[in-house]
Protein backbone atom coordinates (compact mmCIF):
# COMPACT_ATOMS: atom_id res chain seq x y z
CA MET A 1 -8.88 -19.02 3.48
CA PHE A 2 -6.49 -18.40 6.30
CA PRO A 3 -6.67 -20.00 9.60
CA THR A 4 -7.98 -18.34 12.59
CA LEU A 5 -6.11 -16.03 15.30
CA SER A 6 -6.64 -19.16 17.88
CA GLN A 7 -4.98 -21.35 14.78
CA TYR A 8 -2.51 -19.82 15.07
CA ASN A 9 -1.70 -19.87 18.47
CA ARG A 10 -2.60 -23.17 19.23
CA VAL A 11 0.13 -24.29 16.57
CA ILE A 12 3.03 -22.08 18.42
CA GLN A 13 2.13 -23.10 21.25
CA GLN A 14 2.31 -26.40 20.91
CA LEU A 15 5.19 -26.96 18.02
CA GLY A 16 7.07 -23.98 18.62
CA SER A 17 9.38 -23.29 15.51
CA SER A 18 8.69 -26.88 14.39
CA ALA A 19 5.69 -25.50 12.54
CA PHE A 20 7.84 -23.31 10.44
CA SER A 21 9.43 -24.21 6.93
CA SER A 22 12.67 -22.21 7.37
CA LEU A 23 12.30 -20.02 10.72
CA ASN A 24 13.77 -23.40 13.03
CA SER A 25 15.44 -21.70 15.51
CA LEU A 26 12.93 -19.23 16.92
CA PHE A 27 11.90 -19.03 20.76
CA PHE A 28 8.60 -17.68 20.75
CA ILE A 29 7.41 -15.15 24.38
CA PRO A 30 4.08 -15.50 25.43
CA ALA A 31 1.73 -12.25 25.28
CA LYS A 32 0.61 -13.66 28.59
CA THR A 33 1.27 -16.50 30.84
CA SER A 34 -1.63 -16.64 33.38
CA PRO A 35 -4.37 -18.10 33.76
CA ILE A 36 -3.51 -19.68 29.99
CA LYS A 37 -0.41 -18.97 27.82
CA ILE A 38 -1.55 -16.56 24.91
CA TYR A 39 1.08 -15.93 22.61
CA ASN A 40 -0.11 -13.41 20.17
CA PHE A 41 0.16 -9.99 20.66
CA GLY A 42 -1.92 -8.31 18.40
CA SER A 43 -4.23 -8.69 15.59
CA GLY A 44 -6.03 -6.64 13.16
CA SER A 45 -8.07 -7.34 10.08
CA PHE A 46 -5.68 -9.11 8.25
CA ALA A 47 -3.21 -10.36 10.43
CA VAL A 48 -1.74 -11.71 14.02
CA VAL A 49 1.25 -10.79 14.99
CA PHE A 50 3.98 -13.03 17.33
CA LYS A 51 7.05 -11.81 18.96
CA ALA A 52 9.73 -14.39 18.90
CA LEU A 53 13.70 -14.11 19.60
CA GLU A 54 15.95 -15.17 16.69
CA ASN A 55 19.66 -15.86 17.42
CA ASN A 56 18.93 -13.64 20.42
CA LYS A 57 17.46 -11.01 18.36
CA GLU A 58 13.81 -10.09 18.97
CA ILE A 59 11.17 -10.27 16.02
CA ALA A 60 8.01 -10.26 15.06
CA ILE A 61 6.09 -12.91 13.20
CA ARG A 62 2.90 -11.58 11.15
CA CYS A 63 0.54 -14.39 9.93
CA PHE A 64 -2.49 -13.65 7.49
CA ILE A 65 -6.08 -14.35 8.81
CA GLY A 66 -9.47 -13.77 7.26
CA SER A 67 -10.12 -14.31 3.59
CA ASP A 68 -8.26 -11.15 1.02
CA ASN A 69 -5.59 -13.32 -0.49
CA ASP A 70 -4.67 -9.67 -2.55
CA TYR A 71 -2.87 -8.68 0.64
CA VAL A 72 -0.58 -11.71 0.28
CA GLU A 73 0.40 -10.33 -3.40
CA ARG A 74 0.92 -6.72 -1.72
CA TYR A 75 3.41 -8.03 0.70
CA ARG A 76 5.46 -9.62 -2.23
CA LYS A 77 5.39 -6.68 -3.68
CA ILE A 78 5.99 -4.66 -0.50
CA ASP A 79 9.02 -6.66 0.45
CA ASN A 80 10.58 -6.52 -3.22
CA TYR A 81 10.33 -2.84 -3.32
CA LEU A 82 11.28 -2.20 0.18
CA SER A 83 14.60 -4.42 -0.02
CA ASN A 84 16.10 -1.33 -1.91
CA ILE A 85 15.09 1.09 0.33
CA ASP A 86 17.37 1.87 3.06
CA GLU A 87 16.15 4.51 5.36
CA SER A 88 15.93 5.25 9.25
CA TRP A 89 12.13 5.27 9.11
CA LYS A 90 12.11 1.51 7.48
CA THR A 91 10.97 -1.66 9.48
CA ASN A 92 12.77 -4.59 8.04
CA ILE A 93 10.12 -7.21 6.41
CA LYS A 94 10.54 -9.93 4.82
CA PHE A 95 8.17 -12.26 2.75
CA LEU A 96 8.39 -16.15 3.37
CA ASP A 97 5.69 -17.78 1.59
CA ASN A 98 4.46 -21.42 2.41
CA GLU A 99 6.42 -20.90 5.89
CA ILE A 100 3.62 -22.02 8.92
CA LYS A 101 2.03 -25.09 8.95
CA VAL A 102 -1.29 -25.44 10.09
CA ASP A 103 -3.80 -28.50 9.65
CA GLY A 104 -1.54 -30.00 7.15
CA LYS A 105 -1.31 -26.91 4.86
CA TYR A 106 1.00 -24.32 4.46
CA TYR A 107 0.56 -20.62 4.70
CA PRO A 108 3.24 -17.34 3.75
CA VAL A 109 3.89 -15.14 6.68
CA ILE A 110 5.87 -11.47 7.04
CA LYS A 111 9.16 -11.48 9.24
CA MET A 112 9.60 -8.43 10.32
CA ASP A 113 11.86 -6.31 13.12
CA TRP A 114 10.52 -6.19 16.82
CA VAL A 115 10.60 -2.48 17.00
CA ASP A 116 11.22 -1.09 21.03
CA GLY A 117 10.06 2.34 21.68
CA LYS A 118 6.99 4.17 22.74
CA LEU A 119 3.85 4.75 20.51
CA LEU A 120 3.91 8.47 19.51
CA ASN A 121 1.25 9.60 22.15
CA LYS A 122 2.68 7.73 25.10
CA TYR A 123 5.87 9.87 24.43
CA ILE A 124 4.40 13.22 23.76
CA ASP A 125 2.70 12.12 26.85
CA ILE A 126 5.84 11.95 28.90
CA ASN A 127 7.81 15.18 26.92
CA LEU A 128 4.69 17.14 26.88
CA ASN A 129 6.30 20.10 28.89
CA ASN A 130 9.64 19.65 26.89
CA ASN A 131 9.17 22.02 23.47
CA ASP A 132 12.56 21.30 22.91
CA ILE A 133 11.76 17.50 22.08
CA LEU A 134 8.31 18.56 20.16
CA PHE A 135 10.58 20.82 17.79
CA LYS A 136 13.07 17.84 17.46
CA LEU A 137 9.40 15.50 16.42
CA GLN A 138 8.33 18.13 14.14
CA LYS A 139 11.69 18.26 12.14
CA GLN A 140 11.85 14.81 11.94
CA PHE A 141 8.17 14.37 10.60
CA VAL A 142 8.82 17.07 7.96
CA LYS A 143 12.16 14.69 6.82
CA ILE A 144 10.21 11.46 6.71
CA SER A 145 7.50 12.77 4.80
CA ASN A 146 9.61 14.40 2.26
CA ASN A 147 11.71 11.22 1.95
CA LEU A 148 8.94 8.76 1.88
CA GLU A 149 7.92 11.02 -1.31
CA GLU A 150 11.10 10.49 -2.40
CA ASN A 151 11.10 7.29 -2.65
CA ARG A 152 7.41 7.45 -4.16
CA ILE A 153 5.90 5.79 -0.71
CA ALA A 154 3.08 6.76 1.19
CA HIS A 155 2.14 4.85 4.57
CA GLY A 156 -1.67 5.22 4.14
CA ASP A 157 -2.28 5.48 8.04
CA ILE A 158 0.32 7.95 9.66
CA GLN A 159 -1.35 7.82 13.11
CA CYS A 160 -0.01 7.85 16.72
CA GLY A 161 -0.42 3.66 17.00
CA ASN A 162 1.62 2.92 13.92
CA ILE A 163 4.74 5.28 14.93
CA ILE A 164 7.56 4.42 17.47
CA VAL A 165 9.72 6.80 18.76
CA GLN A 166 13.05 5.74 19.71
CA GLU A 167 15.93 7.70 21.80
CA ILE A 168 19.34 5.95 20.54
CA ASN A 169 22.21 7.72 22.25
CA GLY A 170 20.38 10.89 22.64
CA LYS A 171 19.10 11.25 19.91
CA LEU A 172 14.88 11.09 18.55
CA LYS A 173 14.29 8.12 16.05
CA ILE A 174 10.95 7.78 14.57
CA LYS A 175 10.37 4.09 13.29
CA LEU A 176 7.16 3.47 11.34
CA ILE A 177 5.32 0.09 11.42
CA ASP A 178 2.20 -1.96 9.91
CA TYR A 179 2.63 -1.53 6.42
CA ASP A 180 -0.77 -2.85 5.16
CA GLY A 181 -2.24 0.24 3.17
CA LEU A 182 1.44 1.09 1.86
CA TYR A 183 1.64 2.78 -1.28
CA ILE A 184 4.34 1.89 -3.69
CA PRO A 185 4.81 2.63 -7.35
CA TYR A 186 3.68 -1.59 -7.99
CA PHE A 187 0.11 -0.13 -6.97
CA SER A 188 -0.03 2.53 -9.16
CA GLY A 189 -3.88 2.75 -10.55
CA GLU A 190 -5.22 0.45 -7.89
CA ASP A 191 -7.93 1.14 -5.35
CA GLN A 192 -6.48 2.36 -1.99
CA LYS A 193 -6.51 -0.88 0.67
CA GLU A 194 -7.05 1.44 3.31
CA ARG A 195 -8.25 5.08 4.35
CA GLY A 196 -6.73 5.29 7.72
CA ARG A 197 -7.71 6.45 11.33
CA SER A 198 -10.18 9.20 10.29
CA GLU A 199 -9.06 12.04 13.13
CA PHE A 200 -5.51 12.21 10.84
CA GLN A 201 -7.10 12.02 7.14
CA HIS A 202 -8.37 14.35 5.11
CA PRO A 203 -12.43 13.85 4.79
CA ASN A 204 -12.12 13.48 1.37
CA ARG A 205 -9.46 11.23 1.00
CA SER A 206 -11.48 8.19 -0.16
CA TYR A 207 -11.98 10.38 -4.07
CA PHE A 208 -8.15 11.11 -4.13
CA GLY A 209 -6.31 9.10 -6.02
CA PHE A 210 -3.73 6.48 -4.13
CA ASN A 211 -0.30 7.42 -4.57
CA GLU A 212 2.72 9.14 -2.58
CA LYS A 213 1.52 12.22 -1.90
CA ILE A 214 -2.10 10.25 0.22
CA ASP A 215 0.39 10.85 3.78
CA ARG A 216 0.37 14.89 3.45
CA PHE A 217 -2.32 15.88 5.19
CA SER A 218 -1.72 13.42 7.94
CA PHE A 219 1.85 14.77 8.48
CA TRP A 220 -0.11 18.46 8.77
CA VAL A 221 -2.40 17.24 11.08
CA MET A 222 0.53 16.52 13.41
CA LEU A 223 2.51 19.06 12.78
CA CYS A 224 0.06 21.51 13.86
CA ALA A 225 -0.75 19.50 16.86
CA LEU A 226 2.46 19.76 17.79
CA GLU A 227 3.00 23.79 17.14
CA ALA A 228 -0.36 24.36 20.03
CA LEU A 229 1.05 21.92 22.40
CA LYS A 230 4.26 24.31 22.71
CA PHE A 231 1.49 27.02 23.50
CA ASP A 232 -1.30 25.44 25.29
CA LYS A 233 -0.41 22.32 27.43
CA THR A 234 -4.03 21.93 28.37
CA LEU A 235 -5.04 21.27 24.87
CA TRP A 236 -3.40 17.42 25.30
CA LYS A 237 -5.82 16.18 28.06
CA GLU A 238 -8.83 17.13 25.79
């Protein structure tokens, strides 16, 4: 059993980087300062995320919540596999065991790059009338889809909330975040931990094998939606 969100928030609020074994040069950034300081920037079923500065670089600290110890082992293997992958879509992660001390006991954390940019739906909303940008997004998605499979990886939950679009020197760059449902060869033959958001997934996904091909339908949904938006902008409001 892992600590709760409020327990992590209390420890970080009171002790900051002193609560960590090796990450002792962090400066934590509160998500809210009024009426009280709240440090967590978001949480899901299995983790809560905090934001910090390390040597003037923004990073994310992801702390495990709930009671599923399988996710710890999953992230240990994901870190090991992704450490040998150098692709533009990847968000760097590092698994750190026995790192944060809560009520006298140490727990693992995930250290990740903090990815700036706009979530896919926000980026499309801003650039809806620019068909050239919509086409560039399509090209990027085809490239990423092919690259994931070449590396024997599937994200598992391809949807707007897990895709961040960056503009760097006038060029689009897409980052994938949240690796809870990631497939890598270590997990061959295992059950899927996540099913992804239903509107982006094939209705029969539960019956598919867990492999590097499970993202195909999600990418097709987005490619088709972007193609339709080139011709009919009113679809976006629907």
